[in-house]
Amino acid sequence: MPERTWSAAIADVRRSAARHKLASSIVAACVALSLAAIAWAGTSTGAAATPAADPVAPAFSLPVLTHSGLSRTGIRVSLRDYTGKPLIVNFFASWCSPCKSETPLLARFYRSEHGKVALVGLDENDVVGNAMKFIGSDGVTYPVGWDPGLMAASGYGVTGLPQTFFLDARHRIVDRIFGAVTTAELAKGIALATGGSAR
């Protein structure tokens, strides 16, 4: 009797293992067929994927920060001011170390090239006094928007500084630089924004 019980138990285990292998094989086959169907649907001529358009830059309108503080006349800097023009939007702050190496480059660029492409700085989460000293010491003459509440930064998905966005004349984002922008990146971004070629 004990031998018969052990034999029956072994037979049950073998049957269970066989059922498990069969079920696993069926599941694997279903997964493979599903993946193949998804791949086929994505490449079929009837449902050809179209490339995503460049995202439109979110609007912003912020008080102007000058070397002497916030504008008291209600002057603001906004995306609307540059309608129909390519634009570089640079997010920075006085407390940001990489911004300290980047800002003099942007200030020099603006002094020599601002007739070709506009540039706006947006000072994020900063203190007015520190921000004034920062833009003054680096010779910033381009418009700077004051954004202590990170409203513009949130709209653009900025989570770290500095970041620079290049917008074409329709204000679509054609390039985005994380970290301090270089001369080569400026040239590339401007070429994309203006439809020209990098110099």
N, C-alpha and C. Protein backbone atom coordinates (compact mmCIF):
# COMPACT_ATOMS: atom_id res chain seq x y z
N MET A 1 0.82 -1.22 0.00
CA MET A 1 0.00 0.00 0.00
C MET A 1 0.85 1.26 0.00
N PRO A 2 1.89 1.32 0.85
CA PRO A 2 2.72 2.52 0.83
C PRO A 2 3.35 2.73 -0.53
N GLU A 3 3.81 1.60 -1.21
CA GLU A 3 4.44 1.75 -2.52
C GLU A 3 3.46 2.34 -3.52
N ARG A 4 2.22 1.89 -3.45
CA ARG A 4 1.21 2.39 -4.38
C ARG A 4 0.95 3.89 -4.12
N THR A 5 0.96 4.32 -2.88
CA THR A 5 0.73 5.72 -2.53
C THR A 5 1.85 6.59 -3.09
N TRP A 6 3.09 6.12 -2.92
CA TRP A 6 4.24 6.90 -3.45
C TRP A 6 4.17 6.96 -4.97
N SER A 7 3.81 5.88 -5.61
CA SER A 7 3.71 5.88 -7.07
C SER A 7 2.64 6.86 -7.54
N ALA A 8 1.51 6.86 -6.84
CA ALA A 8 0.43 7.77 -7.21
C ALA A 8 0.86 9.23 -7.02
N ALA A 9 1.58 9.48 -5.92
CA ALA A 9 2.05 10.84 -5.64
C ALA A 9 3.01 11.31 -6.73
N ILE A 10 3.94 10.43 -7.12
CA ILE A 10 4.91 10.77 -8.17
C ILE A 10 4.19 11.04 -9.49
N ALA A 11 3.18 10.21 -9.79
CA ALA A 11 2.41 10.41 -11.02
C ALA A 11 1.67 11.76 -10.99
N ASP A 12 1.12 12.11 -9.81
CA ASP A 12 0.43 13.40 -9.68
C ASP A 12 1.39 14.56 -9.92
N VAL A 13 2.60 14.46 -9.38
CA VAL A 13 3.62 15.51 -9.57
C VAL A 13 3.96 15.64 -11.03
N ARG A 14 4.15 14.50 -11.71
CA ARG A 14 4.49 14.54 -13.14
C ARG A 14 3.38 15.18 -13.96
N ARG A 15 2.11 14.84 -13.64
CA ARG A 15 0.98 15.42 -14.36
C ARG A 15 0.90 16.94 -14.11
N SER A 16 1.14 17.33 -12.87
CA SER A 16 1.10 18.76 -12.51
C SER A 16 2.19 19.53 -13.25
N ALA A 17 3.39 18.94 -13.31
CA ALA A 17 4.50 19.59 -14.01
C ALA A 17 4.20 19.72 -15.49
N ALA A 18 3.61 18.70 -16.06
CA ALA A 18 3.28 18.74 -17.48
C ALA A 18 2.24 19.83 -17.75
N ARG A 19 1.22 19.92 -16.85
CA ARG A 19 0.21 20.97 -17.02
C ARG A 19 0.84 22.35 -16.91
N HIS A 20 1.78 22.52 -15.96
CA HIS A 20 2.46 23.80 -15.75
C HIS A 20 3.27 24.19 -16.98
N LYS A 21 4.00 23.22 -17.54
CA LYS A 21 4.79 23.49 -18.75
C LYS A 21 3.88 23.89 -19.90
N LEU A 22 2.75 23.21 -20.02
CA LEU A 22 1.82 23.53 -21.10
C LEU A 22 1.25 24.94 -20.91
N ALA A 23 0.86 25.26 -19.68
CA ALA A 23 0.30 26.59 -19.41
C ALA A 23 1.35 27.66 -19.67
N SER A 24 2.58 27.43 -19.24
CA SER A 24 3.66 28.41 -19.46
C SER A 24 3.91 28.61 -20.94
N SER A 25 3.86 27.51 -21.69
CA SER A 25 4.07 27.60 -23.14
C SER A 25 2.97 28.41 -23.80
N ILE A 26 1.74 28.20 -23.35
CA ILE A 26 0.61 28.95 -23.93
C ILE A 26 0.74 30.44 -23.62
N VAL A 27 1.09 30.77 -22.37
CA VAL A 27 1.26 32.17 -21.99
C VAL A 27 2.38 32.81 -22.80
N ALA A 28 3.51 32.11 -22.95
CA ALA A 28 4.64 32.64 -23.71
C ALA A 28 4.25 32.87 -25.17
N ALA A 29 3.50 31.95 -25.74
CA ALA A 29 3.07 32.09 -27.13
C ALA A 29 2.14 33.28 -27.29
N CYS A 30 1.23 33.49 -26.32
CA CYS A 30 0.31 34.64 -26.38
C CYS A 30 1.07 35.96 -26.30
N VAL A 31 2.06 36.02 -25.41
CA VAL A 31 2.86 37.23 -25.28
C VAL A 31 3.61 37.52 -26.57
N ALA A 32 4.23 36.49 -27.15
CA ALA A 32 4.98 36.65 -28.40
C ALA A 32 4.06 37.13 -29.52
N LEU A 33 2.86 36.54 -29.63
CA LEU A 33 1.91 36.96 -30.66
C LEU A 33 1.45 38.40 -30.46
N SER A 34 1.22 38.79 -29.20
CA SER A 34 0.80 40.16 -28.92
C SER A 34 1.87 41.15 -29.33
N LEU A 35 3.13 40.86 -28.97
CA LEU A 35 4.23 41.75 -29.34
C LEU A 35 4.38 41.85 -30.85
N ALA A 36 4.24 40.73 -31.52
CA ALA A 36 4.34 40.74 -32.99
C ALA A 36 3.22 41.59 -33.59
N ALA A 37 2.01 41.46 -33.04
CA ALA A 37 0.88 42.24 -33.56
C ALA A 37 1.10 43.73 -33.35
N ILE A 38 1.63 44.10 -32.18
CA ILE A 38 1.91 45.51 -31.89
C ILE A 38 2.96 46.04 -32.87
N ALA A 39 4.02 45.27 -33.07
CA ALA A 39 5.08 45.70 -34.00
C ALA A 39 4.54 45.84 -35.41
N TRP A 40 3.70 44.89 -35.83
CA TRP A 40 3.14 44.94 -37.18
C TRP A 40 2.24 46.17 -37.34
N ALA A 41 1.42 46.45 -36.31
CA ALA A 41 0.51 47.60 -36.39
C ALA A 41 1.28 48.90 -36.49
N GLY A 42 2.43 48.99 -35.79
CA GLY A 42 3.22 50.21 -35.83
C GLY A 42 3.93 50.43 -37.14
N THR A 43 4.17 49.37 -37.90
CA THR A 43 4.91 49.52 -39.14
C THR A 43 4.04 49.35 -40.37
N SER A 44 2.76 49.09 -40.19
CA SER A 44 1.90 48.90 -41.36
C SER A 44 1.72 50.21 -42.10
N THR A 45 1.54 50.13 -43.41
CA THR A 45 1.43 51.34 -44.22
C THR A 45 0.17 52.12 -43.90
N GLY A 46 -0.86 51.45 -43.44
CA GLY A 46 -2.10 52.15 -43.13
C GLY A 46 -2.00 53.00 -41.89
N ALA A 47 -1.06 52.72 -40.98
CA ALA A 47 -0.94 53.48 -39.73
C ALA A 47 0.47 53.98 -39.55
N ALA A 48 1.01 54.57 -40.60
CA ALA A 48 2.39 55.06 -40.52
C ALA A 48 2.48 56.18 -39.50
N ALA A 49 3.50 56.09 -38.64
CA ALA A 49 3.68 57.11 -37.61
C ALA A 49 4.22 58.39 -38.23
N THR A 50 3.71 59.53 -37.75
CA THR A 50 4.23 60.81 -38.22
C THR A 50 5.11 61.38 -37.13
N PRO A 51 6.21 62.03 -37.49
CA PRO A 51 7.09 62.58 -36.47
C PRO A 51 6.38 63.64 -35.65
N ALA A 52 6.63 63.65 -34.34
CA ALA A 52 5.98 64.61 -33.46
C ALA A 52 6.51 66.01 -33.76
N ALA A 53 5.61 66.98 -33.75
CA ALA A 53 6.02 68.36 -33.99
C ALA A 53 6.75 68.88 -32.76
N ASP A 54 7.62 69.87 -32.98
CA ASP A 54 8.30 70.49 -31.85
C ASP A 54 7.26 71.12 -30.94
N PRO A 55 7.42 70.96 -29.62
CA PRO A 55 6.41 71.52 -28.70
C PRO A 55 6.40 73.04 -28.73
N VAL A 56 5.23 73.60 -28.53
CA VAL A 56 5.09 75.06 -28.47
C VAL A 56 5.53 75.53 -27.09
N ALA A 57 6.32 76.60 -27.06
CA ALA A 57 6.82 77.13 -25.78
C ALA A 57 5.67 77.73 -24.98
N PRO A 58 5.61 77.42 -23.68
CA PRO A 58 4.57 78.02 -22.84
C PRO A 58 4.76 79.54 -22.73
N ALA A 59 3.66 80.26 -22.68
CA ALA A 59 3.71 81.72 -22.53
C ALA A 59 4.20 82.08 -21.13
N PHE A 60 4.83 83.24 -21.02
CA PHE A 60 5.21 83.78 -19.71
C PHE A 60 5.11 85.29 -19.78
N SER A 61 4.88 85.91 -18.64
CA SER A 61 4.87 87.37 -18.52
C SER A 61 5.32 87.68 -17.10
N LEU A 62 6.52 88.27 -16.98
CA LEU A 62 7.14 88.45 -15.67
C LEU A 62 7.64 89.89 -15.50
N PRO A 63 7.71 90.37 -14.25
CA PRO A 63 8.28 91.70 -14.02
C PRO A 63 9.74 91.73 -14.48
N VAL A 64 10.17 92.88 -14.97
CA VAL A 64 11.55 93.04 -15.44
C VAL A 64 12.46 93.34 -14.27
N LEU A 65 13.60 92.63 -14.24
CA LEU A 65 14.64 92.88 -13.23
C LEU A 65 15.76 93.66 -13.91
N THR A 66 16.14 94.78 -13.32
CA THR A 66 17.23 95.60 -13.88
C THR A 66 18.38 95.66 -12.88
N HIS A 67 19.44 96.35 -13.26
CA HIS A 67 20.60 96.49 -12.37
C HIS A 67 20.24 97.27 -11.11
N SER A 68 19.15 98.02 -11.16
CA SER A 68 18.75 98.81 -9.99
C SER A 68 17.55 98.20 -9.26
N GLY A 69 17.15 97.02 -9.65
CA GLY A 69 16.06 96.33 -8.97
C GLY A 69 14.90 96.02 -9.90
N LEU A 70 13.77 95.70 -9.30
CA LEU A 70 12.58 95.41 -10.08
C LEU A 70 12.01 96.69 -10.68
N SER A 71 11.52 96.60 -11.89
CA SER A 71 10.93 97.75 -12.56
C SER A 71 9.73 98.25 -11.76
N ARG A 72 9.71 99.56 -11.49
CA ARG A 72 8.60 100.14 -10.73
C ARG A 72 7.53 100.71 -11.64
N THR A 73 7.76 100.61 -12.93
CA THR A 73 6.79 101.17 -13.88
C THR A 73 5.86 100.11 -14.44
N GLY A 74 5.93 98.91 -13.90
CA GLY A 74 5.05 97.84 -14.36
C GLY A 74 5.48 97.19 -15.66
N ILE A 75 6.71 97.49 -16.10
CA ILE A 75 7.21 96.87 -17.34
C ILE A 75 7.42 95.38 -17.10
N ARG A 76 7.01 94.59 -18.07
CA ARG A 76 7.13 93.14 -17.97
C ARG A 76 7.85 92.61 -19.19
N VAL A 77 8.42 91.44 -19.06
CA VAL A 77 8.99 90.73 -20.20
C VAL A 77 8.10 89.52 -20.45
N SER A 78 7.68 89.35 -21.70
CA SER A 78 6.78 88.25 -22.00
C SER A 78 7.14 87.62 -23.33
N LEU A 79 6.71 86.41 -23.51
CA LEU A 79 6.94 85.71 -24.77
C LEU A 79 6.24 86.45 -25.91
N ARG A 80 5.11 87.04 -25.62
CA ARG A 80 4.33 87.76 -26.62
C ARG A 80 5.12 88.93 -27.22
N ASP A 81 6.06 89.50 -26.45
CA ASP A 81 6.88 90.61 -26.95
C ASP A 81 7.71 90.22 -28.17
N TYR A 82 7.92 88.92 -28.37
CA TYR A 82 8.81 88.43 -29.43
C TYR A 82 8.05 87.65 -30.50
N THR A 83 6.78 87.97 -30.64
CA THR A 83 5.96 87.28 -31.65
C THR A 83 6.60 87.38 -33.03
N GLY A 84 6.72 86.23 -33.68
CA GLY A 84 7.28 86.18 -35.03
C GLY A 84 8.80 86.23 -35.08
N LYS A 85 9.45 86.16 -33.92
CA LYS A 85 10.92 86.24 -33.89
C LYS A 85 11.50 85.01 -33.18
N PRO A 86 12.63 84.49 -33.66
CA PRO A 86 13.33 83.44 -32.92
C PRO A 86 13.79 84.00 -31.57
N LEU A 87 13.84 83.13 -30.57
CA LEU A 87 14.16 83.60 -29.22
C LEU A 87 14.92 82.54 -28.45
N ILE A 88 15.90 83.00 -27.67
CA ILE A 88 16.60 82.13 -26.72
C ILE A 88 16.08 82.48 -25.33
N VAL A 89 15.63 81.47 -24.58
CA VAL A 89 15.14 81.67 -23.21
C VAL A 89 16.08 80.91 -22.28
N ASN A 90 16.75 81.69 -21.40
CA ASN A 90 17.74 81.11 -20.47
C ASN A 90 17.23 81.20 -19.05
N PHE A 91 17.09 80.05 -18.40
CA PHE A 91 16.69 79.98 -16.99
C PHE A 91 17.94 79.94 -16.12
N PHE A 92 18.03 80.83 -15.13
CA PHE A 92 19.24 80.92 -14.30
C PHE A 92 18.88 81.44 -12.91
N ALA A 93 19.90 81.52 -12.04
CA ALA A 93 19.76 82.14 -10.72
C ALA A 93 21.15 82.54 -10.25
N SER A 94 21.21 83.53 -9.37
CA SER A 94 22.51 84.01 -8.89
C SER A 94 23.22 82.97 -8.03
N TRP A 95 22.47 82.07 -7.40
CA TRP A 95 23.06 81.06 -6.52
C TRP A 95 23.53 79.82 -7.27
N CYS A 96 23.32 79.79 -8.56
CA CYS A 96 23.63 78.60 -9.38
C CYS A 96 25.07 78.70 -9.91
N SER A 97 25.92 77.77 -9.48
CA SER A 97 27.34 77.81 -9.88
C SER A 97 27.55 77.74 -11.39
N PRO A 98 26.94 76.78 -12.12
CA PRO A 98 27.15 76.75 -13.57
C PRO A 98 26.66 78.02 -14.27
N CYS A 99 25.66 78.68 -13.67
CA CYS A 99 25.15 79.93 -14.27
C CYS A 99 26.23 81.01 -14.25
N LYS A 100 27.11 80.95 -13.26
CA LYS A 100 28.17 81.96 -13.14
C LYS A 100 29.17 81.86 -14.28
N SER A 101 29.38 80.66 -14.81
CA SER A 101 30.29 80.52 -15.95
C SER A 101 29.57 80.77 -17.27
N GLU A 102 28.27 80.56 -17.30
CA GLU A 102 27.49 80.69 -18.52
C GLU A 102 27.08 82.13 -18.82
N THR A 103 26.71 82.88 -17.80
CA THR A 103 26.13 84.21 -18.01
C THR A 103 27.06 85.18 -18.73
N PRO A 104 28.36 85.25 -18.41
CA PRO A 104 29.23 86.16 -19.18
C PRO A 104 29.25 85.83 -20.68
N LEU A 105 29.20 84.54 -21.03
CA LEU A 105 29.15 84.13 -22.44
C LEU A 105 27.87 84.65 -23.09
N LEU A 106 26.73 84.49 -22.40
CA LEU A 106 25.46 84.97 -22.94
C LEU A 106 25.45 86.48 -23.07
N ALA A 107 26.05 87.18 -22.09
CA ALA A 107 26.10 88.65 -22.14
C ALA A 107 26.93 89.12 -23.33
N ARG A 108 28.07 88.47 -23.58
CA ARG A 108 28.91 88.83 -24.74
C ARG A 108 28.17 88.53 -26.04
N PHE A 109 27.53 87.37 -26.08
CA PHE A 109 26.77 87.00 -27.28
C PHE A 109 25.71 88.05 -27.58
N TYR A 110 24.97 88.46 -26.56
CA TYR A 110 23.88 89.41 -26.77
C TYR A 110 24.40 90.75 -27.28
N ARG A 111 25.51 91.20 -26.72
CA ARG A 111 26.05 92.48 -27.15
C ARG A 111 26.44 92.47 -28.62
N SER A 112 26.91 91.32 -29.12
CA SER A 112 27.37 91.27 -30.51
C SER A 112 26.33 90.74 -31.49
N GLU A 113 25.36 89.96 -31.00
CA GLU A 113 24.43 89.25 -31.92
C GLU A 113 22.95 89.55 -31.71
N HIS A 114 22.60 90.44 -30.81
CA HIS A 114 21.18 90.56 -30.48
C HIS A 114 20.33 91.09 -31.62
N GLY A 115 20.94 91.62 -32.65
CA GLY A 115 20.16 92.02 -33.82
C GLY A 115 19.66 90.84 -34.61
N LYS A 116 20.31 89.69 -34.45
CA LYS A 116 19.93 88.49 -35.22
C LYS A 116 18.95 87.60 -34.47
N VAL A 117 19.22 87.37 -33.18
CA VAL A 117 18.35 86.51 -32.37
C VAL A 117 18.17 87.16 -31.01
N ALA A 118 16.94 87.21 -30.54
CA ALA A 118 16.66 87.80 -29.23
C ALA A 118 16.99 86.81 -28.11
N LEU A 119 17.30 87.35 -26.95
CA LEU A 119 17.65 86.55 -25.78
C LEU A 119 16.94 87.12 -24.57
N VAL A 120 16.35 86.25 -23.77
CA VAL A 120 15.69 86.64 -22.53
C VAL A 120 16.21 85.74 -21.42
N GLY A 121 16.55 86.32 -20.29
CA GLY A 121 16.91 85.55 -19.10
C GLY A 121 15.74 85.52 -18.14
N LEU A 122 15.53 84.38 -17.50
CA LEU A 122 14.48 84.28 -16.49
C LEU A 122 15.13 83.84 -15.18
N ASP A 123 15.15 84.75 -14.21
CA ASP A 123 15.80 84.51 -12.92
C ASP A 123 14.83 83.78 -12.01
N GLU A 124 15.23 82.58 -11.58
CA GLU A 124 14.33 81.69 -10.85
C GLU A 124 14.69 81.57 -9.37
N ASN A 125 13.66 81.64 -8.53
CA ASN A 125 13.81 81.32 -7.11
C ASN A 125 15.00 82.04 -6.49
N ASP A 126 15.05 83.35 -6.64
CA ASP A 126 16.23 84.12 -6.25
C ASP A 126 15.85 85.24 -5.28
N VAL A 127 16.88 85.93 -4.79
CA VAL A 127 16.71 87.10 -3.94
C VAL A 127 17.05 88.33 -4.78
N VAL A 128 16.23 89.37 -4.72
CA VAL A 128 16.40 90.52 -5.61
C VAL A 128 17.81 91.11 -5.52
N GLY A 129 18.31 91.35 -4.31
CA GLY A 129 19.63 91.95 -4.14
C GLY A 129 20.73 91.12 -4.80
N ASN A 130 20.70 89.82 -4.57
CA ASN A 130 21.72 88.93 -5.16
C ASN A 130 21.59 88.90 -6.68
N ALA A 131 20.37 88.88 -7.16
CA ALA A 131 20.14 88.84 -8.60
C ALA A 131 20.64 90.12 -9.27
N MET A 132 20.40 91.28 -8.64
CA MET A 132 20.87 92.55 -9.19
C MET A 132 22.39 92.56 -9.31
N LYS A 133 23.06 92.13 -8.25
CA LYS A 133 24.54 92.09 -8.28
C LYS A 133 25.03 91.15 -9.36
N PHE A 134 24.36 90.03 -9.48
CA PHE A 134 24.76 89.00 -10.44
C PHE A 134 24.71 89.52 -11.87
N ILE A 135 23.57 90.09 -12.26
CA ILE A 135 23.46 90.56 -13.64
C ILE A 135 24.31 91.80 -13.88
N GLY A 136 24.52 92.58 -12.82
CA GLY A 136 25.38 93.77 -12.97
C GLY A 136 26.84 93.40 -13.16
N SER A 137 27.33 92.43 -12.40
CA SER A 137 28.74 92.06 -12.47
C SER A 137 29.08 91.36 -13.78
N ASP A 138 28.09 90.72 -14.40
CA ASP A 138 28.36 90.02 -15.65
C ASP A 138 28.01 90.85 -16.88
N GLY A 139 27.61 92.10 -16.67
CA GLY A 139 27.33 92.97 -17.81
C GLY A 139 26.12 92.55 -18.62
N VAL A 140 25.11 92.02 -17.96
CA VAL A 140 23.90 91.57 -18.65
C VAL A 140 23.11 92.79 -19.13
N THR A 141 22.86 92.85 -20.44
CA THR A 141 22.04 93.94 -21.00
C THR A 141 20.77 93.40 -21.66
N TYR A 142 20.63 92.09 -21.73
CA TYR A 142 19.40 91.53 -22.29
C TYR A 142 18.31 91.55 -21.23
N PRO A 143 17.04 91.52 -21.66
CA PRO A 143 15.94 91.57 -20.69
C PRO A 143 15.95 90.36 -19.76
N VAL A 144 15.67 90.63 -18.49
CA VAL A 144 15.62 89.56 -17.48
C VAL A 144 14.27 89.62 -16.79
N GLY A 145 13.59 88.48 -16.77
CA GLY A 145 12.32 88.37 -16.06
C GLY A 145 12.53 87.82 -14.66
N TRP A 146 11.78 88.34 -13.71
CA TRP A 146 11.90 87.96 -12.30
C TRP A 146 10.83 86.91 -11.97
N ASP A 147 11.28 85.70 -11.61
CA ASP A 147 10.34 84.58 -11.40
C ASP A 147 10.64 83.87 -10.09
N PRO A 148 10.43 84.55 -8.95
CA PRO A 148 10.76 83.91 -7.66
C PRO A 148 9.90 82.70 -7.34
N GLY A 149 8.68 82.65 -7.90
CA GLY A 149 7.77 81.54 -7.63
C GLY A 149 7.89 80.38 -8.60
N LEU A 150 8.88 80.43 -9.52
CA LEU A 150 9.14 79.34 -10.47
C LEU A 150 7.96 79.05 -11.40
N MET A 151 7.14 80.05 -11.68
CA MET A 151 5.99 79.82 -12.54
C MET A 151 6.42 79.47 -13.97
N ALA A 152 7.33 80.25 -14.53
CA ALA A 152 7.80 79.97 -15.89
C ALA A 152 8.59 78.67 -15.92
N ALA A 153 9.42 78.46 -14.90
CA ALA A 153 10.22 77.23 -14.84
C ALA A 153 9.33 76.00 -14.83
N SER A 154 8.24 76.05 -14.08
CA SER A 154 7.32 74.92 -14.02
C SER A 154 6.68 74.69 -15.39
N GLY A 155 6.30 75.75 -16.06
CA GLY A 155 5.68 75.62 -17.36
C GLY A 155 6.59 74.96 -18.39
N TYR A 156 7.89 75.22 -18.27
CA TYR A 156 8.86 74.67 -19.21
C TYR A 156 9.45 73.34 -18.74
N GLY A 157 9.04 72.88 -17.57
CA GLY A 157 9.56 71.61 -17.05
C GLY A 157 10.98 71.70 -16.58
N VAL A 158 11.40 72.88 -16.12
CA VAL A 158 12.77 73.08 -15.65
C VAL A 158 12.87 72.60 -14.20
N THR A 159 13.74 71.63 -13.96
CA THR A 159 13.94 71.12 -12.60
C THR A 159 15.35 71.38 -12.09
N GLY A 160 16.22 71.88 -12.95
CA GLY A 160 17.59 72.20 -12.55
C GLY A 160 18.10 73.37 -13.39
N LEU A 161 19.03 74.12 -12.82
CA LEU A 161 19.56 75.30 -13.51
C LEU A 161 21.05 75.13 -13.80
N PRO A 162 21.52 75.79 -14.88
CA PRO A 162 20.77 76.53 -15.87
C PRO A 162 20.17 75.62 -16.93
N GLN A 163 19.20 76.13 -17.65
CA GLN A 163 18.66 75.46 -18.83
C GLN A 163 18.36 76.53 -19.87
N THR A 164 18.60 76.20 -21.13
CA THR A 164 18.41 77.16 -22.22
C THR A 164 17.55 76.54 -23.30
N PHE A 165 16.54 77.29 -23.73
CA PHE A 165 15.61 76.84 -24.77
C PHE A 165 15.78 77.72 -26.00
N PHE A 166 15.78 77.09 -27.16
CA PHE A 166 15.84 77.81 -28.43
C PHE A 166 14.48 77.67 -29.12
N LEU A 167 13.86 78.82 -29.40
CA LEU A 167 12.54 78.84 -30.02
C LEU A 167 12.64 79.39 -31.43
N ASP A 168 11.91 78.80 -32.34
CA ASP A 168 11.88 79.34 -33.70
C ASP A 168 10.89 80.51 -33.76
N ALA A 169 10.67 81.06 -34.95
CA ALA A 169 9.82 82.25 -35.08
C ALA A 169 8.37 81.96 -34.70
N ARG A 170 7.97 80.69 -34.74
CA ARG A 170 6.60 80.34 -34.32
C ARG A 170 6.56 79.96 -32.83
N HIS A 171 7.70 80.13 -32.18
CA HIS A 171 7.88 79.83 -30.76
C HIS A 171 7.66 78.36 -30.43
N ARG A 172 8.16 77.54 -31.35
CA ARG A 172 8.25 76.11 -31.07
C ARG A 172 9.65 75.83 -30.55
N ILE A 173 9.76 74.95 -29.55
CA ILE A 173 11.05 74.62 -28.95
C ILE A 173 11.80 73.69 -29.90
N VAL A 174 12.91 74.18 -30.45
CA VAL A 174 13.67 73.39 -31.42
C VAL A 174 14.95 72.82 -30.82
N ASP A 175 15.35 73.31 -29.64
CA ASP A 175 16.52 72.76 -28.96
C ASP A 175 16.45 73.14 -27.49
N ARG A 176 17.07 72.31 -26.66
CA ARG A 176 17.08 72.53 -25.21
C ARG A 176 18.42 72.07 -24.67
N ILE A 177 19.07 72.94 -23.91
CA ILE A 177 20.38 72.62 -23.34
C ILE A 177 20.25 72.53 -21.82
N PHE A 178 20.67 71.41 -21.27
CA PHE A 178 20.71 71.21 -19.82
C PHE A 178 22.11 71.56 -19.35
N GLY A 179 22.23 72.44 -18.37
CA GLY A 179 23.55 72.84 -17.90
C GLY A 179 24.03 74.08 -18.65
N ALA A 180 25.25 74.50 -18.31
CA ALA A 180 25.80 75.72 -18.91
C ALA A 180 25.96 75.57 -20.41
N VAL A 181 25.42 76.51 -21.15
CA VAL A 181 25.48 76.47 -22.61
C VAL A 181 26.88 76.85 -23.08
N THR A 182 27.33 76.24 -24.15
CA THR A 182 28.64 76.54 -24.73
C THR A 182 28.47 77.35 -26.01
N THR A 183 29.58 77.87 -26.52
CA THR A 183 29.54 78.61 -27.78
C THR A 183 29.02 77.73 -28.91
N ALA A 184 29.48 76.48 -28.95
CA ALA A 184 29.05 75.55 -30.00
C ALA A 184 27.55 75.27 -29.89
N GLU A 185 27.05 75.11 -28.67
CA GLU A 185 25.62 74.85 -28.48
C GLU A 185 24.78 76.07 -28.85
N LEU A 186 25.32 77.26 -28.56
CA LEU A 186 24.62 78.48 -28.98
C LEU A 186 24.48 78.52 -30.50
N ALA A 187 25.59 78.24 -31.20
CA ALA A 187 25.58 78.26 -32.66
C ALA A 187 24.59 77.25 -33.21
N LYS A 188 24.59 76.05 -32.64
CA LYS A 188 23.68 75.00 -33.10
C LYS A 188 22.22 75.39 -32.85
N GLY A 189 21.93 75.88 -31.64
CA GLY A 189 20.57 76.27 -31.30
C GLY A 189 20.06 77.41 -32.16
N ILE A 190 20.92 78.37 -32.43
CA ILE A 190 20.53 79.51 -33.27
C ILE A 190 20.25 79.02 -34.69
N ALA A 191 21.08 78.12 -35.19
CA ALA A 191 20.86 77.57 -36.54
C ALA A 191 19.51 76.88 -36.62
N LEU A 192 19.16 76.11 -35.59
CA LEU A 192 17.85 75.44 -35.57
C LEU A 192 16.71 76.43 -35.46
N ALA A 193 16.90 77.46 -34.65
CA ALA A 193 15.84 78.44 -34.42
C ALA A 193 15.60 79.32 -35.64
N THR A 194 16.64 79.58 -36.41
CA THR A 194 16.52 80.49 -37.54
C THR A 194 16.42 79.76 -38.88
N GLY A 195 16.58 78.44 -38.83
CA GLY A 195 16.54 77.67 -40.09
C GLY A 195 17.81 77.81 -40.89
N GLY A 196 18.87 78.31 -40.25
CA GLY A 196 20.16 78.46 -40.93
C GLY A 196 21.06 77.30 -40.62
N SER A 197 22.34 77.46 -40.85
CA SER A 197 23.32 76.41 -40.54
C SER A 197 24.28 76.93 -39.49
N ALA A 198 24.74 76.01 -38.64
CA ALA A 198 25.67 76.40 -37.57
C ALA A 198 26.96 76.90 -38.17
N ARG A 199 27.49 77.96 -37.58
CA ARG A 199 28.75 78.51 -38.10
C ARG A 199 29.93 77.80 -37.50
